[in-house]
Amino acid sequence: MAKAKSYQSYPAEFKGITLLKASEDGVTANSVCEVIGISFRTLSRWRDEFRLKGDDVLKGNKQNSNPELMKLKQELAKVKNERNFLKDAVVFFAKESG
């Protein structure tokens, strides 16, 4: 029985950086593929995706992928702001009483 081929998934930021590097003057797409360790076909597919979908490809689906995660991140930011406020208040009142 043949072993199933596994494919590596690359983050959107990695794809964007790779596409930018491949588009620089004096840099060939083949040399970027060789250094990164991807095939020229993969780079071409990423380039085609970018041409069709634009910047949305580079942003990925992070914003809408998990509403619970977004809610938790917002809550964490709020708690951090409250914590920082309390730290500042402690320093202020320590100076006043001292």
C-alpha atoms as a PDB file:
ATOM      1  CA  MET A   1       0.000   0.000   0.000  1.00  0.00           C
ATOM      2  CA  ALA A   2       1.327   3.446  -0.931  1.00  0.00           C
ATOM      3  CA  LYS A   3       1.966   5.930   1.833  1.00  0.00           C
ATOM      4  CA  ALA A   4      -0.153   9.093   1.689  1.00  0.00           C
ATOM      5  CA  LYS A   5       1.828  12.182   0.822  1.00  0.00           C
ATOM      6  CA  SER A   6       1.791  14.843   3.516  1.00  0.00           C
ATOM      7  CA  TYR A   7       1.740  18.506   2.642  1.00  0.00           C
ATOM      8  CA  GLN A   8       3.120  21.327   4.720  1.00  0.00           C
ATOM      9  CA  SER A   9       0.875  24.300   5.409  1.00  0.00           C
ATOM     10  CA  TYR A  10       2.467  27.732   5.440  1.00  0.00           C
ATOM     11  CA  PRO A  11       1.089  30.773   7.292  1.00  0.00           C
ATOM     12  CA  ALA A  12      -0.195  33.721   5.265  1.00  0.00           C
ATOM     13  CA  GLU A  13       2.621  35.981   6.525  1.00  0.00           C
ATOM     14  CA  PHE A  14       5.233  33.523   5.280  1.00  0.00           C
ATOM     15  CA  LYS A  15       3.605  33.443   1.849  1.00  0.00           C
ATOM     16  CA  GLY A  16       3.545  37.237   1.710  1.00  0.00           C
ATOM     17  CA  ILE A  17       7.195  37.605   2.667  1.00  0.00           C
ATOM     18  CA  THR A  18       8.170  34.958   0.130  1.00  0.00           C
ATOM     19  CA  LEU A  19       6.215  36.692  -2.644  1.00  0.00           C
ATOM     20  CA  LEU A  20       7.822  40.033  -1.776  1.00  0.00           C
ATOM     21  CA  LYS A  21      11.296  38.502  -1.826  1.00  0.00           C
ATOM     22  CA  ALA A  22      10.634  36.790  -5.164  1.00  0.00           C
ATOM     23  CA  SER A  23       9.522  40.105  -6.692  1.00  0.00           C
ATOM     24  CA  GLU A  24      12.674  42.033  -5.725  1.00  0.00           C
ATOM     25  CA  ASP A  25      15.009  43.209  -8.468  1.00  0.00           C
ATOM     26  CA  GLY A  26      17.886  40.843  -9.142  1.00  0.00           C
ATOM     27  CA  VAL A  27      16.244  37.938  -7.321  1.00  0.00           C
ATOM     28  CA  THR A  28      14.939  34.975  -9.278  1.00  0.00           C
ATOM     29  CA  ALA A  29      11.881  33.014  -8.243  1.00  0.00           C
ATOM     30  CA  ASN A  30      13.866  29.781  -8.569  1.00  0.00           C
ATOM     31  CA  SER A  31      16.525  30.997  -6.141  1.00  0.00           C
ATOM     32  CA  VAL A  32      13.861  31.957  -3.581  1.00  0.00           C
ATOM     33  CA  CYS A  33      12.228  28.537  -3.966  1.00  0.00           C
ATOM     34  CA  GLU A  34      15.571  26.822  -3.476  1.00  0.00           C
ATOM     35  CA  VAL A  35      16.417  28.798  -0.337  1.00  0.00           C
ATOM     36  CA  ILE A  36      12.938  28.458   1.201  1.00  0.00           C
ATOM     37  CA  GLY A  37      12.594  24.809   0.230  1.00  0.00           C
ATOM     38  CA  ILE A  38       9.415  24.986  -1.817  1.00  0.00           C
ATOM     39  CA  SER A  39       8.701  24.077  -5.409  1.00  0.00           C
ATOM     40  CA  PHE A  40       8.350  26.651  -8.150  1.00  0.00           C
ATOM     41  CA  ARG A  41       4.818  25.367  -8.662  1.00  0.00           C
ATOM     42  CA  THR A  42       3.929  26.211  -5.050  1.00  0.00           C
ATOM     43  CA  LEU A  43       5.287  29.734  -5.441  1.00  0.00           C
ATOM     44  CA  SER A  44       3.338  30.140  -8.683  1.00  0.00           C
ATOM     45  CA  ARG A  45       0.143  29.009  -6.954  1.00  0.00           C
ATOM     46  CA  TRP A  46       0.705  31.541  -4.153  1.00  0.00           C
ATOM     47  CA  ARG A  47       1.307  34.272  -6.754  1.00  0.00           C
ATOM     48  CA  ASP A  48      -1.896  33.338  -8.590  1.00  0.00           C
ATOM     49  CA  GLU A  49      -3.862  33.360  -5.315  1.00  0.00           C
ATOM     50  CA  PHE A  50      -2.519  36.823  -4.564  1.00  0.00           C
ATOM     51  CA  ARG A  51      -3.460  38.109  -8.013  1.00  0.00           C
ATOM     52  CA  LEU A  52      -7.006  36.766  -7.662  1.00  0.00           C
ATOM     53  CA  LYS A  53      -7.731  37.651  -4.045  1.00  0.00           C
ATOM     54  CA  GLY A  54      -5.291  40.478  -3.344  1.00  0.00           C
ATOM     55  CA  ASP A  55      -4.316  41.386   0.216  1.00  0.00           C
ATOM     56  CA  ASP A  56      -6.973  39.110   1.712  1.00  0.00           C
ATOM     57  CA  VAL A  57      -4.730  36.142   0.945  1.00  0.00           C
ATOM     58  CA  LEU A  58      -1.920  37.608   3.031  1.00  0.00           C
ATOM     59  CA  LYS A  59      -4.191  38.450   5.946  1.00  0.00           C
ATOM     60  CA  GLY A  60      -5.518  34.919   6.155  1.00  0.00           C
ATOM     61  CA  ASN A  61      -8.827  34.046   7.763  1.00  0.00           C
ATOM     62  CA  LYS A  62      -7.764  34.853  11.293  1.00  0.00           C
ATOM     63  CA  GLN A  63     -10.238  37.640  11.902  1.00  0.00           C
ATOM     64  CA  ASN A  64     -13.393  35.645  11.229  1.00  0.00           C
ATOM     65  CA  SER A  65     -12.174  32.133  11.901  1.00  0.00           C
ATOM     66  CA  ASN A  66     -13.079  31.869  15.569  1.00  0.00           C
ATOM     67  CA  PRO A  67     -15.487  34.330  17.203  1.00  0.00           C
ATOM     68  CA  GLU A  68     -14.812  32.917  20.662  1.00  0.00           C
ATOM     69  CA  LEU A  69     -11.093  33.565  20.213  1.00  0.00           C
ATOM     70  CA  MET A  70     -11.782  37.151  19.153  1.00  0.00           C
ATOM     71  CA  LYS A  71     -14.001  37.680  22.209  1.00  0.00           C
ATOM     72  CA  LEU A  72     -11.309  36.290  24.510  1.00  0.00           C
ATOM     73  CA  LYS A  73      -8.657  38.524  22.949  1.00  0.00           C
ATOM     74  CA  GLN A  74     -10.854  41.584  23.488  1.00  0.00           C
ATOM     75  CA  GLU A  75     -11.505  40.571  27.081  1.00  0.00           C
ATOM     76  CA  LEU A  76      -7.782  40.023  27.661  1.00  0.00           C
ATOM     77  CA  ALA A  77      -6.992  43.491  26.312  1.00  0.00           C
ATOM     78  CA  LYS A  78      -9.599  45.010  28.641  1.00  0.00           C
ATOM     79  CA  VAL A  79      -8.200  43.168  31.667  1.00  0.00           C
ATOM     80  CA  LYS A  80      -4.647  44.252  30.790  1.00  0.00           C
ATOM     81  CA  ASN A  81      -5.767  47.885  30.596  1.00  0.00           C
ATOM     82  CA  GLU A  82      -7.461  47.592  33.987  1.00  0.00           C
ATOM     83  CA  ARG A  83      -4.350  45.978  35.474  1.00  0.00           C
ATOM     84  CA  ASN A  84      -2.114  48.747  34.118  1.00  0.00           C
ATOM     85  CA  PHE A  85      -4.465  51.376  35.531  1.00  0.00           C
ATOM     86  CA  LEU A  86      -4.338  49.748  38.961  1.00  0.00           C
ATOM     87  CA  LYS A  87      -0.526  49.572  38.836  1.00  0.00           C
ATOM     88  CA  ASP A  88      -0.399  53.311  38.092  1.00  0.00           C
ATOM     89  CA  ALA A  89      -2.855  54.010  40.908  1.00  0.00           C
ATOM     90  CA  VAL A  90      -0.731  52.049  43.395  1.00  0.00           C
ATOM     91  CA  VAL A  91       2.355  54.042  42.410  1.00  0.00           C
ATOM     92  CA  PHE A  92       0.447  57.333  42.688  1.00  0.00           C
ATOM     93  CA  PHE A  93      -0.989  56.587  46.137  1.00  0.00           C
ATOM     94  CA  ALA A  94       2.356  55.230  47.369  1.00  0.00           C
ATOM     95  CA  LYS A  95       3.958  58.573  46.525  1.00  0.00           C
ATOM     96  CA  GLU A  96       1.144  60.520  48.203  1.00  0.00           C
ATOM     97  CA  SER A  97       1.299  58.568  51.460  1.00  0.00           C
ATOM     98  CA  GLY A  98       5.077  58.471  51.618  1.00  0.00           C
END
